[in-house]
């Protein structure tokens, strides 16, 4: 079959346009990632499956947050029913209804696992906008499963960063982090995460289930799953008060 001159020229021009297109910068890539996970507010129901030495226990919760600065979580599973977390900026409090006691989490306690999980309080407090605390470099391309990914390395530029270095595998089509490794200053791998489920919510791709593995503990993992996710919904600011925490 002979191709017409117009068809041949169209194919050639398309190829030239593709080769001339500027490569994405690492800042462009992180901006796209941030656009997917940034919101003015969020409500969701959460579930943590914490597995240690082959035995699993489950935590469920209802949560609401405003951006990355305010969050309120109330646990609903029988063992922890009524335990509440309140986050405001870099402050975190836990309320225990059985003792009617409020505890502020700070200092070295921030590195402890939340509810015995592989997710630390420090992880929960850190903003998702990595560009604030890290300098970024685009290293290479790779695949996670059948997904083409950009590999981005983040290096801490402030002392308040939770980790000295992070390596992210970012889906090249959906701009969601599919895998991440977190390192100490010594170069030791501290933690790894893998995104298990990505959902389409409105006009964005959203990671709704993530597995976390602490490399400092043996034979342990935590799967955190979000359901009934509602983004950019009205939220009463009183939700994030000490009075609501201890009611």
Protein backbone atom coordinates (compact mmCIF):
# COMPACT_ATOMS: atom_id res chain seq x y z
CA UNK A 1 0.00 0.00 0.00
CA UNK A 2 1.44 3.39 -1.03
CA UNK A 3 1.19 6.30 1.42
CA UNK A 4 0.28 9.72 0.10
CA UNK A 5 2.77 12.58 0.30
CA UNK A 6 0.53 14.33 2.86
CA UNK A 7 0.45 11.29 5.14
CA UNK A 8 4.25 10.85 4.96
CA UNK A 9 4.82 14.53 5.77
CA UNK A 10 2.37 14.39 8.68
CA UNK A 11 4.23 11.42 10.18
CA UNK A 12 7.61 13.13 9.74
CA UNK A 13 6.40 16.39 11.25
CA UNK A 14 4.88 14.57 14.21
CA UNK A 15 8.20 12.83 14.82
CA UNK A 16 10.11 16.10 14.62
CA UNK A 17 7.68 17.75 17.03
CA UNK A 18 8.04 14.92 19.50
CA UNK A 19 11.85 14.99 19.35
CA UNK A 20 11.89 18.78 19.73
CA UNK A 21 9.56 18.81 22.75
CA UNK A 22 11.46 19.90 25.85
CA UNK A 23 12.06 17.25 28.50
CA UNK A 24 10.14 17.68 31.73
CA UNK A 25 12.10 19.23 34.56
CA UNK A 26 12.11 17.63 37.98
CA UNK A 27 10.22 20.65 39.30
CA UNK A 28 7.51 20.11 36.69
CA UNK A 29 7.20 16.47 37.72
CA UNK A 30 6.94 17.25 41.44
CA UNK A 31 4.41 20.01 40.71
CA UNK A 32 2.21 17.43 38.96
CA UNK A 33 2.58 15.02 41.88
CA UNK A 34 1.67 17.79 44.32
CA UNK A 35 -1.38 18.75 42.25
CA UNK A 36 -2.71 15.20 42.66
CA UNK A 37 -2.34 15.02 46.45
CA UNK A 38 -2.96 18.66 47.41
CA UNK A 39 -6.41 19.71 48.61
CA UNK A 40 -8.07 22.43 50.63
CA UNK A 41 -9.79 19.74 52.73
CA UNK A 42 -10.40 16.00 52.83
CA UNK A 43 -12.70 13.55 54.60
CA UNK A 44 -12.21 9.80 54.50
CA UNK A 45 -12.56 6.53 56.34
CA UNK A 46 -9.25 4.79 56.95
CA UNK A 47 -8.09 1.26 57.69
CA UNK A 48 -4.67 0.15 58.89
CA UNK A 49 -3.63 -3.48 58.66
CA UNK A 50 -0.56 -3.88 60.87
CA UNK A 51 1.26 -7.19 60.36
CA UNK A 52 4.01 -8.28 62.74
CA UNK A 53 5.59 -11.74 62.52
CA UNK A 54 2.74 -12.98 60.36
CA UNK A 55 -0.03 -11.82 62.71
CA UNK A 56 -2.29 -8.95 61.67
CA UNK A 57 -4.36 -6.50 63.65
CA UNK A 58 -6.67 -3.87 62.27
CA UNK A 59 -7.36 -0.23 63.09
CA UNK A 60 -10.19 1.78 61.56
CA UNK A 61 -10.76 5.51 61.74
CA UNK A 62 -12.63 8.52 60.44
CA UNK A 63 -10.50 11.50 59.50
CA UNK A 64 -10.80 15.09 58.32
CA UNK A 65 -8.03 17.52 57.36
CA UNK A 66 -7.47 21.02 56.03
CA UNK A 67 -4.51 21.06 53.68
CA UNK A 68 -1.40 19.68 55.34
CA UNK A 69 -1.58 21.89 58.44
CA UNK A 70 -4.65 20.57 60.31
CA UNK A 71 -5.98 17.06 60.82
CA UNK A 72 -8.38 15.27 63.17
CA UNK A 73 -8.58 11.48 63.43
CA UNK A 74 -10.93 9.39 65.58
CA UNK A 75 -10.40 5.64 65.84
CA UNK A 76 -13.49 3.43 65.50
CA UNK A 77 -12.22 -0.14 65.96
CA UNK A 78 -13.36 -1.70 69.28
CA UNK A 79 -9.95 -1.74 71.01
CA UNK A 80 -9.23 1.94 70.32
CA UNK A 81 -12.72 3.39 69.99
CA UNK A 82 -12.73 7.08 70.88
CA UNK A 83 -8.95 7.58 70.76
CA UNK A 84 -8.42 10.84 68.87
CA UNK A 85 -5.50 12.56 67.18
CA UNK A 86 -5.29 16.29 66.59
CA UNK A 87 -2.62 17.81 64.37
CA UNK A 88 -2.09 21.56 64.07
CA UNK A 89 0.97 22.59 62.09
CA UNK A 90 3.89 20.76 63.77
CA UNK A 91 1.99 19.93 66.95
CA UNK A 92 0.32 16.58 67.60
CA UNK A 93 -1.90 15.56 70.53
CA UNK A 94 -3.53 12.22 71.39
CA UNK A 95 -6.62 11.90 73.59
CA UNK A 96 -7.29 8.63 75.44
CA UNK A 97 -10.96 8.46 76.53
CA UNK A 98 -10.54 5.67 79.09
CA UNK A 99 -8.08 7.80 81.08
CA UNK A 100 -9.54 11.12 79.91
CA UNK A 101 -5.93 12.08 79.31
CA UNK A 102 -4.31 14.18 76.57
CA UNK A 103 -0.69 13.55 75.55
CA UNK A 104 1.41 15.78 73.32
CA UNK A 105 3.78 13.91 71.02
CA UNK A 106 7.12 15.63 70.54
CA UNK A 107 10.88 15.05 70.40
CA UNK A 108 12.09 11.49 69.92
CA UNK A 109 8.51 10.18 70.30
CA UNK A 110 7.74 11.54 66.83
CA UNK A 111 9.82 8.71 65.36
CA UNK A 112 7.69 6.05 67.05
CA UNK A 113 5.14 4.08 65.04
CA UNK A 114 1.58 5.39 65.17
CA UNK A 115 -0.56 2.76 66.96
CA UNK A 116 2.35 0.35 66.67
CA UNK A 117 2.40 0.66 62.87
CA UNK A 118 5.24 1.28 60.41
CA UNK A 119 3.97 4.86 59.92
CA UNK A 120 5.69 7.23 62.35
CA UNK A 121 4.13 10.34 63.87
CA UNK A 122 6.86 12.25 62.03
CA UNK A 123 5.60 10.82 58.73
CA UNK A 124 2.08 12.01 59.57
CA UNK A 125 3.29 15.53 60.33
CA UNK A 126 5.47 16.08 57.26
CA UNK A 127 4.04 18.08 54.37
CA UNK A 128 3.60 16.32 51.03
CA UNK A 129 5.21 19.29 49.24
CA UNK A 130 8.74 17.88 49.17
CA UNK A 131 10.17 20.96 47.46
CA UNK A 132 9.98 22.90 50.72
CA UNK A 133 12.49 20.70 52.57
CA UNK A 134 14.33 18.84 49.83
CA UNK A 135 16.36 19.62 46.74
CA UNK A 136 15.44 17.32 43.86
CA UNK A 137 17.27 15.62 41.00
CA UNK A 138 15.84 13.55 38.15
CA UNK A 139 18.03 10.44 38.03
CA UNK A 140 16.65 8.08 35.37
CA UNK A 141 13.60 6.20 34.15
CA UNK A 142 12.52 2.81 35.46
CA UNK A 143 9.40 0.65 35.69
CA UNK A 144 7.26 -0.40 38.64
CA UNK A 145 5.17 -3.34 37.52
CA UNK A 146 4.09 -2.31 34.02
CA UNK A 147 4.18 1.43 34.74
CA UNK A 148 6.92 3.67 33.32
CA UNK A 149 8.34 5.86 36.08
CA UNK A 150 10.60 8.83 36.64
CA UNK A 151 13.11 8.18 39.42
CA UNK A 152 13.55 11.33 41.52
CA UNK A 153 16.08 11.68 44.34
CA UNK A 154 15.37 14.17 47.12
CA UNK A 155 18.14 15.44 49.41
CA UNK A 156 17.29 17.26 52.63
CA UNK A 157 18.16 20.95 52.64
CA UNK A 158 16.83 21.71 56.14
CA UNK A 159 17.41 19.99 59.48
CA UNK A 160 13.68 19.54 60.05
CA UNK A 161 13.27 17.08 57.14
CA UNK A 162 12.13 13.66 58.37
CA UNK A 163 14.74 11.86 56.25
CA UNK A 164 18.14 12.81 54.86
CA UNK A 165 17.35 11.35 51.44
CA UNK A 166 14.31 9.96 49.61
CA UNK A 167 14.08 8.16 46.30
CA UNK A 168 10.70 8.25 44.53
CA UNK A 169 9.43 6.25 41.56
CA UNK A 170 6.80 8.54 39.99
CA UNK A 171 4.28 7.21 37.47
CA UNK A 172 5.14 9.01 34.22
CA UNK A 173 1.50 9.15 33.11
CA UNK A 174 -0.50 9.63 36.31
CA UNK A 175 2.11 11.51 38.39
CA UNK A 176 1.63 9.44 41.52
CA UNK A 177 4.51 8.08 43.60
CA UNK A 178 4.35 4.29 43.17
CA UNK A 179 7.37 3.45 45.31
CA UNK A 180 9.58 5.29 47.76
CA UNK A 181 12.71 4.62 49.80
CA UNK A 182 13.71 6.74 52.80
CA UNK A 183 17.30 6.95 54.05
CA UNK A 184 19.25 8.20 57.09
CA UNK A 185 22.35 10.41 56.90
CA UNK A 186 24.46 7.27 57.27
CA UNK A 187 22.96 5.95 54.03
CA UNK A 188 20.97 3.28 55.86
CA UNK A 189 17.57 2.47 54.37
CA UNK A 190 15.03 3.23 57.09
CA UNK A 191 11.68 2.68 55.41
CA UNK A 192 10.08 1.83 52.09
CA UNK A 193 6.58 2.31 50.74
CA UNK A 194 4.66 0.89 47.79
CA UNK A 195 1.41 2.27 46.39
CA UNK A 196 -1.05 -0.60 46.05
CA UNK A 197 -4.05 1.26 44.63
CA UNK A 198 -4.52 4.46 42.62
CA UNK A 199 -8.02 5.85 42.07
CA UNK A 200 -9.44 8.52 39.81
CA UNK A 201 -11.12 11.18 41.97
CA UNK A 202 -12.49 14.07 39.93
CA UNK A 203 -9.69 15.24 37.65
CA UNK A 204 -6.83 13.76 39.65
CA UNK A 205 -5.17 10.42 40.35
CA UNK A 206 -5.09 9.69 44.06
CA UNK A 207 -3.09 7.01 45.96
CA UNK A 208 -5.73 5.33 48.12
CA UNK A 209 -3.80 2.34 49.46
CA UNK A 210 -0.12 2.29 50.46
CA UNK A 211 2.06 -0.36 52.10
CA UNK A 212 4.78 0.82 54.49
CA UNK A 213 7.71 -1.36 55.61
CA UNK A 214 10.09 -0.30 58.38
CA UNK A 215 13.62 -1.55 57.75
CA UNK A 216 14.42 -1.14 61.47
CA UNK A 217 12.01 -3.91 62.50
CA UNK A 218 11.90 -7.52 61.38
CA UNK A 219 8.99 -9.07 59.51
CA UNK A 220 6.59 -6.16 59.77
CA UNK A 221 4.48 -4.08 57.40
CA UNK A 222 1.49 -1.74 57.49
CA UNK A 223 -1.11 -1.29 54.77
CA UNK A 224 -3.04 1.98 55.00
CA UNK A 225 -6.20 2.22 52.89
CA UNK A 226 -8.53 5.19 52.44
CA UNK A 227 -12.18 4.85 51.38
CA UNK A 228 -15.12 7.24 50.99
CA UNK A 229 -12.63 9.95 50.06
CA UNK A 230 -14.18 13.42 49.64
CA UNK A 231 -11.89 16.25 48.55
CA UNK A 232 -12.30 20.02 48.87
CA UNK A 233 -15.43 19.74 51.03
CA UNK A 234 -16.60 22.33 53.61
CA UNK A 235 -15.00 21.81 57.03
CA UNK A 236 -15.78 23.68 60.24
CA UNK A 237 -12.54 25.03 61.72
CA UNK A 238 -13.82 24.12 65.20
CA UNK A 239 -13.17 20.49 64.22
CA UNK A 240 -9.49 21.16 64.93
CA UNK A 241 -9.88 22.55 68.47
CA UNK A 242 -8.72 21.11 71.78
CA UNK A 243 -12.36 21.19 72.88
CA UNK A 244 -13.32 18.80 70.06
CA UNK A 245 -10.34 16.58 70.87
CA UNK A 246 -11.39 16.08 74.49
CA UNK A 247 -15.20 16.20 74.21
